[in-house]
Every structure is written in structure tokens, then in C-alpha cells.
N, C-alpha and C. Protein backbone atom coordinates (compact mmCIF):
# COMPACT_ATOMS: atom_id res chain seq x y z
N MET A 1 -4.78 -64.74 19.19
CA MET A 1 -4.32 -63.78 19.19
C MET A 1 -4.48 -62.67 18.21
N ARG A 2 -4.78 -63.13 17.10
CA ARG A 2 -4.90 -62.01 15.85
C ARG A 2 -6.39 -61.78 15.94
N GLY A 3 -7.31 -62.28 16.64
CA GLY A 3 -8.90 -61.72 16.82
C GLY A 3 -8.93 -60.78 17.26
N GLY A 4 -8.18 -61.00 19.15
CA GLY A 4 -8.18 -60.27 19.69
C GLY A 4 -7.83 -58.75 18.68
N LEU A 5 -6.61 -58.57 18.13
CA LEU A 5 -6.35 -57.11 18.03
C LEU A 5 -7.19 -56.65 16.39
N THR A 6 -8.33 -57.87 16.47
CA THR A 6 -9.03 -56.99 15.06
C THR A 6 -9.73 -56.81 15.78
N LEU A 7 -10.61 -56.80 16.60
CA LEU A 7 -11.73 -56.57 17.95
C LEU A 7 -11.04 -55.30 18.37
N LEU A 8 -9.99 -55.32 19.15
CA LEU A 8 -9.13 -54.24 19.68
C LEU A 8 -9.17 -52.56 18.78
N HIS A 9 -8.74 -53.20 17.19
CA HIS A 9 -8.60 -52.19 16.01
C HIS A 9 -10.43 -51.37 15.98
N SER A 10 -11.25 -52.80 15.82
CA SER A 10 -12.65 -52.48 15.92
C SER A 10 -13.34 -51.33 16.95
N TRP A 11 -12.75 -51.30 18.41
CA TRP A 11 -12.93 -50.73 19.25
C TRP A 11 -12.32 -49.23 18.86
N THR A 12 -11.05 -49.69 18.81
CA THR A 12 -10.03 -47.75 18.77
C THR A 12 -11.13 -47.29 17.21
N VAL A 13 -11.56 -47.78 16.55
CA VAL A 13 -11.85 -47.01 15.28
C VAL A 13 -13.61 -46.35 16.07
N LEU A 14 -14.35 -47.22 16.66
CA LEU A 14 -15.68 -46.99 17.10
C LEU A 14 -15.55 -45.61 17.93
N LEU A 15 -14.15 -45.31 18.91
CA LEU A 15 -14.30 -44.74 19.72
C LEU A 15 -13.53 -43.52 19.39
N VAL A 16 -13.16 -43.25 18.37
CA VAL A 16 -11.91 -42.50 17.12
C VAL A 16 -12.45 -41.05 16.60
N LEU A 17 -13.66 -42.33 15.34
CA LEU A 17 -14.50 -41.46 14.54
C LEU A 17 -15.09 -40.48 14.84
N PRO A 18 -15.83 -40.33 16.16
CA PRO A 18 -16.97 -39.19 16.42
C PRO A 18 -15.89 -38.18 17.13
N LEU A 19 -14.82 -38.51 17.28
CA LEU A 19 -13.94 -37.24 17.38
C LEU A 19 -13.22 -36.81 16.67
N VAL A 20 -12.93 -37.71 15.11
CA VAL A 20 -12.87 -37.09 14.03
C VAL A 20 -13.50 -36.68 13.47
N SER A 21 -14.93 -36.50 13.53
CA SER A 21 -15.74 -36.02 12.87
C SER A 21 -15.77 -34.97 13.35
N ALA A 22 -16.08 -34.65 15.01
CA ALA A 22 -16.68 -33.74 16.21
C ALA A 22 -15.40 -32.42 15.18
N CYS A 23 -14.12 -33.09 15.08
CA CYS A 23 -13.39 -32.22 14.75
C CYS A 23 -13.17 -31.51 13.37
N THR A 24 -13.35 -32.45 12.07
CA THR A 24 -13.88 -31.66 11.07
C THR A 24 -15.07 -30.64 10.91
N GLN A 25 -16.08 -30.87 11.25
CA GLN A 25 -16.87 -30.12 11.48
C GLN A 25 -16.38 -28.79 12.14
N GLN A 26 -16.20 -28.84 13.15
CA GLN A 26 -15.39 -27.51 13.77
C GLN A 26 -14.68 -26.43 13.09
N SER A 27 -13.89 -27.28 12.10
CA SER A 27 -12.98 -26.89 11.22
C SER A 27 -13.43 -26.38 10.11
N THR A 28 -14.62 -26.99 9.69
CA THR A 28 -15.54 -26.36 8.84
C THR A 28 -16.15 -25.07 9.11
N GLN A 29 -16.46 -25.30 10.16
CA GLN A 29 -17.17 -24.02 10.41
C GLN A 29 -16.42 -22.76 10.84
N THR A 30 -15.31 -22.87 11.41
CA THR A 30 -14.22 -22.10 11.57
C THR A 30 -13.77 -21.49 10.25
N ALA A 31 -13.64 -22.27 9.56
CA ALA A 31 -13.54 -22.04 7.97
C ALA A 31 -14.23 -21.10 7.35
N ALA A 32 -15.56 -21.42 7.61
CA ALA A 32 -16.82 -21.21 6.76
C ALA A 32 -16.53 -19.34 7.31
N ARG A 33 -16.37 -19.16 8.58
CA ARG A 33 -16.43 -18.01 9.45
C ARG A 33 -15.55 -17.11 8.51
N GLN A 34 -14.38 -17.32 8.18
CA GLN A 34 -13.33 -16.64 7.22
C GLN A 34 -13.75 -16.52 6.21
N ILE A 35 -14.51 -16.97 4.83
CA ILE A 35 -14.56 -17.23 3.80
C ILE A 35 -15.69 -16.06 3.37
N GLY A 36 -16.17 -15.50 4.31
CA GLY A 36 -17.25 -14.72 3.48
C GLY A 36 -18.20 -13.88 4.68
N ASN A 37 -19.70 -13.14 4.20
CA ASN A 37 -20.13 -12.50 5.22
C ASN A 37 -21.68 -13.32 5.00
N ALA A 38 -21.93 -13.97 6.10
CA ALA A 38 -22.83 -15.12 6.37
C ALA A 38 -24.05 -13.95 6.67
N SER A 39 -24.15 -12.77 7.01
CA SER A 39 -25.44 -12.26 6.76
C SER A 39 -25.88 -11.60 5.67
N ARG A 40 -24.89 -11.50 5.01
CA ARG A 40 -25.17 -11.29 3.52
C ARG A 40 -25.48 -12.10 2.70
N GLY A 41 -25.16 -13.95 2.89
CA GLY A 41 -25.33 -14.81 2.21
C GLY A 41 -26.61 -15.05 2.40
N ALA A 42 -27.30 -14.66 3.63
CA ALA A 42 -28.82 -15.19 3.86
C ALA A 42 -29.99 -14.45 2.64
N GLY A 43 -29.76 -13.16 2.74
CA GLY A 43 -30.22 -12.24 1.53
C GLY A 43 -29.65 -12.47 0.14
N LEU A 44 -28.52 -13.33 -0.41
CA LEU A 44 -27.97 -13.48 -1.73
C LEU A 44 -28.84 -14.57 -2.02
N ILE A 45 -29.37 -15.48 -1.04
CA ILE A 45 -30.00 -17.08 -1.04
C ILE A 45 -31.25 -16.69 -1.83
N SER A 46 -31.76 -15.39 -1.24
CA SER A 46 -33.58 -14.96 -1.89
C SER A 46 -32.76 -14.31 -3.13
N TRP A 47 -32.37 -13.58 -3.49
CA TRP A 47 -32.00 -12.83 -4.09
C TRP A 47 -31.67 -13.61 -5.64
N TYR A 48 -30.75 -14.50 -5.75
CA TYR A 48 -30.66 -15.38 -6.81
C TYR A 48 -31.84 -16.47 -6.63
N GLY A 49 -32.91 -16.71 -5.85
CA GLY A 49 -33.64 -17.32 -5.78
C GLY A 49 -33.74 -19.35 -5.73
N CYS A 50 -32.49 -19.25 -4.85
CA CYS A 50 -32.28 -20.46 -4.60
C CYS A 50 -33.47 -20.93 -3.47
N SER A 51 -34.02 -20.58 -2.84
CA SER A 51 -35.38 -20.38 -2.56
C SER A 51 -36.68 -21.22 -3.50
N ALA A 52 -36.19 -20.83 -4.41
CA ALA A 52 -37.45 -21.84 -5.85
C ALA A 52 -36.90 -23.51 -5.43
N CYS A 53 -35.73 -24.06 -4.73
CA CYS A 53 -35.73 -25.17 -5.04
C CYS A 53 -35.41 -25.76 -3.62
N HIS A 54 -35.16 -24.96 -2.55
CA HIS A 54 -34.24 -25.11 -1.81
C HIS A 54 -35.10 -24.95 -0.49
N SER A 55 -35.21 -25.50 0.80
CA SER A 55 -35.64 -24.94 1.91
C SER A 55 -34.08 -24.69 2.54
N VAL A 56 -34.64 -23.70 3.67
CA VAL A 56 -32.98 -23.10 3.77
C VAL A 56 -33.47 -22.17 5.26
N PRO A 57 -32.93 -22.78 6.32
CA PRO A 57 -33.67 -21.91 7.35
C PRO A 57 -32.91 -20.91 7.79
N GLY A 58 -33.80 -19.82 8.13
CA GLY A 58 -33.63 -18.64 8.47
C GLY A 58 -33.24 -17.94 7.07
N VAL A 59 -34.15 -18.23 6.37
CA VAL A 59 -34.65 -17.48 4.66
C VAL A 59 -36.07 -17.51 4.48
N PRO A 60 -36.77 -16.49 5.21
CA PRO A 60 -38.12 -16.20 4.68
C PRO A 60 -38.32 -16.73 3.39
N GLY A 61 -39.23 -17.85 3.27
CA GLY A 61 -39.62 -18.05 2.01
C GLY A 61 -39.06 -19.14 1.31
N ALA A 62 -37.54 -19.42 2.01
CA ALA A 62 -37.64 -20.42 1.22
C ALA A 62 -37.50 -22.19 1.96
N ASP A 63 -38.36 -22.64 1.72
CA ASP A 63 -39.44 -24.23 2.02
C ASP A 63 -39.60 -24.98 0.64
N ALA A 64 -38.99 -24.54 -0.42
CA ALA A 64 -39.21 -25.59 -1.12
C ALA A 64 -38.35 -27.08 -1.32
N LEU A 65 -38.57 -27.81 -1.88
CA LEU A 65 -38.42 -29.45 -1.99
C LEU A 65 -37.81 -29.85 -3.45
N VAL A 66 -37.99 -29.05 -4.22
CA VAL A 66 -37.33 -29.61 -5.33
C VAL A 66 -35.72 -29.66 -5.45
N GLY A 67 -34.79 -29.15 -4.75
CA GLY A 67 -33.67 -29.64 -4.05
C GLY A 67 -33.37 -30.13 -3.00
N PRO A 68 -32.51 -30.43 -2.07
CA PRO A 68 -32.38 -30.92 -1.20
C PRO A 68 -32.18 -29.74 -0.10
N PRO A 69 -32.28 -30.04 0.92
CA PRO A 69 -33.08 -29.39 2.23
C PRO A 69 -31.31 -28.41 2.63
N LEU A 70 -31.19 -27.45 2.55
CA LEU A 70 -29.66 -27.47 3.12
C LEU A 70 -29.69 -26.40 4.71
N ASP A 71 -30.47 -27.02 5.30
CA ASP A 71 -30.14 -27.65 6.93
C ASP A 71 -28.49 -28.44 7.45
N HIS A 72 -27.97 -28.06 8.32
CA HIS A 72 -27.20 -29.04 8.91
C HIS A 72 -26.19 -28.90 7.84
N PHE A 73 -25.98 -27.98 7.03
CA PHE A 73 -24.99 -28.05 5.74
C PHE A 73 -23.63 -28.11 5.91
N SER A 74 -23.27 -27.98 7.46
CA SER A 74 -21.52 -28.32 7.60
C SER A 74 -21.51 -29.26 8.03
N HIS A 75 -22.00 -29.90 8.60
CA HIS A 75 -22.05 -31.19 9.29
C HIS A 75 -22.58 -33.16 7.79
N ARG A 76 -22.15 -32.15 6.94
CA ARG A 76 -22.54 -32.94 5.72
C ARG A 76 -21.01 -33.26 5.02
N GLY A 77 -21.14 -34.49 5.12
CA GLY A 77 -19.67 -35.19 4.03
C GLY A 77 -19.19 -35.01 2.64
N TYR A 78 -20.36 -34.64 1.94
CA TYR A 78 -20.30 -34.26 0.71
C TYR A 78 -20.96 -33.48 -0.07
N ILE A 79 -21.30 -32.38 -1.09
CA ILE A 79 -21.38 -31.58 -2.02
C ILE A 79 -22.09 -31.91 -2.92
N ALA A 80 -23.58 -32.36 -2.85
CA ALA A 80 -23.87 -33.13 -4.26
C ALA A 80 -23.67 -34.50 -4.56
N GLY A 81 -23.45 -35.25 -3.15
CA GLY A 81 -22.43 -36.54 -3.53
C GLY A 81 -21.08 -36.91 -4.20
N VAL A 82 -20.48 -35.53 -3.99
CA VAL A 82 -19.45 -35.75 -5.38
C VAL A 82 -18.09 -35.18 -4.95
N LEU A 83 -18.53 -34.01 -4.34
CA LEU A 83 -16.88 -33.01 -3.85
C LEU A 83 -17.31 -33.12 -2.36
N HIS A 84 -16.20 -33.50 -1.63
CA HIS A 84 -16.06 -33.30 -0.20
C HIS A 84 -16.44 -31.96 0.13
N ASN A 85 -17.19 -31.80 1.14
CA ASN A 85 -17.57 -30.83 2.01
C ASN A 85 -16.33 -29.64 2.35
N SER A 86 -16.14 -28.61 1.20
CA SER A 86 -15.47 -27.72 2.25
C SER A 86 -15.94 -26.49 1.87
N PRO A 87 -15.29 -25.64 2.09
CA PRO A 87 -15.81 -24.29 1.94
C PRO A 87 -15.02 -23.95 0.47
N ASP A 88 -13.85 -24.06 -0.21
CA ASP A 88 -13.60 -24.09 -1.70
C ASP A 88 -14.71 -24.76 -2.21
N ASN A 89 -14.52 -26.28 -2.22
CA ASN A 89 -15.60 -26.70 -2.87
C ASN A 89 -16.80 -26.46 -3.08
N LEU A 90 -17.63 -25.71 -1.82
CA LEU A 90 -18.69 -25.69 -2.21
C LEU A 90 -18.75 -23.88 -2.99
N VAL A 91 -17.46 -23.26 -2.57
CA VAL A 91 -17.76 -21.60 -3.61
C VAL A 91 -17.83 -22.63 -4.71
N MET A 92 -17.21 -23.51 -5.57
CA MET A 92 -17.09 -23.93 -6.81
C MET A 92 -18.45 -24.26 -7.28
N TRP A 93 -19.29 -25.34 -6.36
CA TRP A 93 -20.25 -25.80 -6.39
C TRP A 93 -21.53 -24.61 -7.13
N ILE A 94 -20.88 -23.54 -5.92
CA ILE A 94 -22.45 -22.39 -6.13
C ILE A 94 -22.19 -22.05 -7.67
N ARG A 95 -20.88 -21.48 -8.15
CA ARG A 95 -20.80 -21.10 -8.95
C ARG A 95 -21.07 -21.27 -10.44
N ASN A 96 -21.00 -22.95 -10.52
CA ASN A 96 -20.93 -23.39 -11.41
C ASN A 96 -20.84 -25.26 -11.28
N PRO A 97 -22.18 -25.53 -10.84
CA PRO A 97 -22.68 -26.88 -10.08
C PRO A 97 -22.73 -27.89 -11.53
N GLN A 98 -23.04 -27.19 -12.89
CA GLN A 98 -22.98 -28.07 -14.06
C GLN A 98 -21.42 -28.67 -14.24
N LYS A 99 -20.56 -28.03 -13.77
CA LYS A 99 -19.17 -28.26 -14.13
C LYS A 99 -19.09 -30.04 -13.41
N PHE A 100 -19.48 -29.54 -12.29
CA PHE A 100 -18.84 -30.98 -11.26
C PHE A 100 -20.38 -32.19 -11.78
N VAL A 101 -21.43 -31.88 -12.08
CA VAL A 101 -22.06 -32.89 -12.36
C VAL A 101 -23.41 -32.28 -13.36
N PRO A 102 -22.95 -32.66 -14.41
CA PRO A 102 -23.58 -32.08 -15.77
C PRO A 102 -24.93 -32.89 -15.46
N GLY A 103 -25.93 -32.14 -16.20
CA GLY A 103 -27.55 -31.83 -16.11
C GLY A 103 -27.91 -32.08 -15.20
N ASN A 104 -27.56 -31.88 -13.92
CA ASN A 104 -28.17 -32.06 -12.54
C ASN A 104 -29.06 -30.71 -12.79
N ALA A 105 -29.81 -30.58 -11.96
CA ALA A 105 -31.17 -29.65 -11.95
C ALA A 105 -31.01 -27.89 -11.85
N MET A 106 -29.82 -28.18 -10.54
CA MET A 106 -29.50 -26.74 -10.35
C MET A 106 -27.98 -26.20 -11.36
N PRO A 107 -29.12 -25.22 -11.76
CA PRO A 107 -28.48 -23.89 -12.61
C PRO A 107 -27.15 -23.05 -12.18
N ALA A 108 -26.23 -23.00 -13.48
CA ALA A 108 -25.46 -22.17 -13.73
C ALA A 108 -26.00 -20.90 -12.80
N LEU A 109 -25.77 -19.85 -12.08
CA LEU A 109 -26.71 -18.31 -12.13
C LEU A 109 -26.25 -16.94 -12.02
N GLY A 110 -24.77 -17.39 -12.61
CA GLY A 110 -23.98 -16.77 -12.54
C GLY A 110 -23.38 -15.64 -11.82
N ILE A 111 -23.43 -16.33 -10.49
CA ILE A 111 -22.72 -16.10 -9.09
C ILE A 111 -21.78 -15.58 -9.16
N ASP A 112 -20.93 -14.66 -8.66
CA ASP A 112 -19.78 -14.31 -8.71
C ASP A 112 -19.36 -14.94 -7.40
N ASP A 113 -17.60 -14.88 -7.72
CA ASP A 113 -17.15 -14.94 -6.91
C ASP A 113 -17.65 -14.72 -5.08
N ARG A 114 -17.66 -13.02 -5.23
CA ARG A 114 -17.59 -12.49 -3.51
C ARG A 114 -19.20 -13.41 -2.95
N ASP A 115 -20.06 -13.05 -3.99
CA ASP A 115 -21.38 -14.06 -3.78
C ASP A 115 -21.14 -15.08 -3.51
N ALA A 116 -20.42 -15.77 -3.83
CA ALA A 116 -20.32 -17.55 -3.62
C ALA A 116 -19.93 -17.38 -2.16
N HIS A 117 -19.10 -17.21 -1.91
CA HIS A 117 -18.34 -17.12 -0.70
C HIS A 117 -19.12 -16.67 0.40
N ASP A 118 -20.17 -15.20 0.43
CA ASP A 118 -21.00 -14.87 1.72
C ASP A 118 -22.50 -16.07 1.42
N ILE A 119 -22.68 -16.55 0.63
CA ILE A 119 -23.45 -17.57 0.32
C ILE A 119 -23.12 -18.76 1.22
N ALA A 120 -22.01 -19.13 0.73
CA ALA A 120 -20.92 -20.36 1.75
C ALA A 120 -20.97 -20.10 3.17
N ALA A 121 -20.72 -19.41 3.47
CA ALA A 121 -20.50 -18.77 4.58
C ALA A 121 -21.33 -19.06 5.37
N TYR A 122 -23.13 -18.29 4.53
CA TYR A 122 -24.49 -18.60 5.57
C TYR A 122 -24.70 -19.92 5.54
N LEU A 123 -24.38 -21.02 4.71
CA LEU A 123 -24.71 -22.24 4.74
C LEU A 123 -24.28 -23.19 5.66
N TYR A 124 -22.95 -22.29 5.99
CA TYR A 124 -21.80 -23.14 7.10
C TYR A 124 -22.43 -22.57 8.40
N SER A 125 -22.93 -21.54 8.25
CA SER A 125 -23.63 -20.94 9.64
C SER A 125 -24.78 -21.67 10.28
N ILE A 126 -25.37 -22.00 9.42
CA ILE A 126 -26.57 -22.64 9.95
C ILE A 126 -26.43 -23.91 10.60
N GLU A 127 -27.66 -24.51 11.57
CA GLU A 127 -27.43 -25.69 11.85
C GLU A 127 -29.00 -26.62 11.82
């Protein structure tokens, strides 16, 4: 009997996990639309020089491979491997990445709150 419950639990996890993941992605994308101006964010990615290190779909010239590619950002579970992927956490990371992972390669660029929100909105909008 006990083995049957374990098998049932395993199947339940396998069936429910994709649904939870889809809901999380949808809620992240919905939240992103509310945090900033994605069209303005694309231009800011170029303005701040993010393209010197990252490849970013939809941003001309953003094809560098120093940092991670930023495609499919809304589908990722973590930011820099340490922060749960949420719009608030992404804005904090963009504004001060050294606070969360001291010594990492991403510099603090002096990005203000509005610009960070718009960049985050763009990152969540790309597939």
C-alpha cells in the first residue's frame, strides 16, 4: 500500500508541475507589463551598453557573449542563480548587481529606478 501511494504522489507531481510552471510564467509576464515601458526598455539596453556583454533579442548589436544571453528571460527560475525571478528582484538586480553577488562581472551602471523598470519590462516581454 505504501509503495502505491508513493507512485501516486510521483504521478501527481509530474502532472501538476507543468501547470504550476505555466501559471508562474503567465503571472510573471502579466506583472512585467505593469512595471514599465518595454519599448523604452529596448532602447535603454543599448543606451546603458548592456549589449557589450549580453545578447538580447530585438536589440540591434546586442549579440555579445560575456554575460548570459537574455532570451526567454520570463521562463527562468532565477536571476544570476541567486534571486527568484520576479519583476521586483530583477529591478533590484539591474540597479545594483554587486549587492547580491559581490565581485560578479556585471557592473553597477547607475541605472535609476524608472529605467530599471523599463529594462525589466522589456526583458520579460521577449521570448
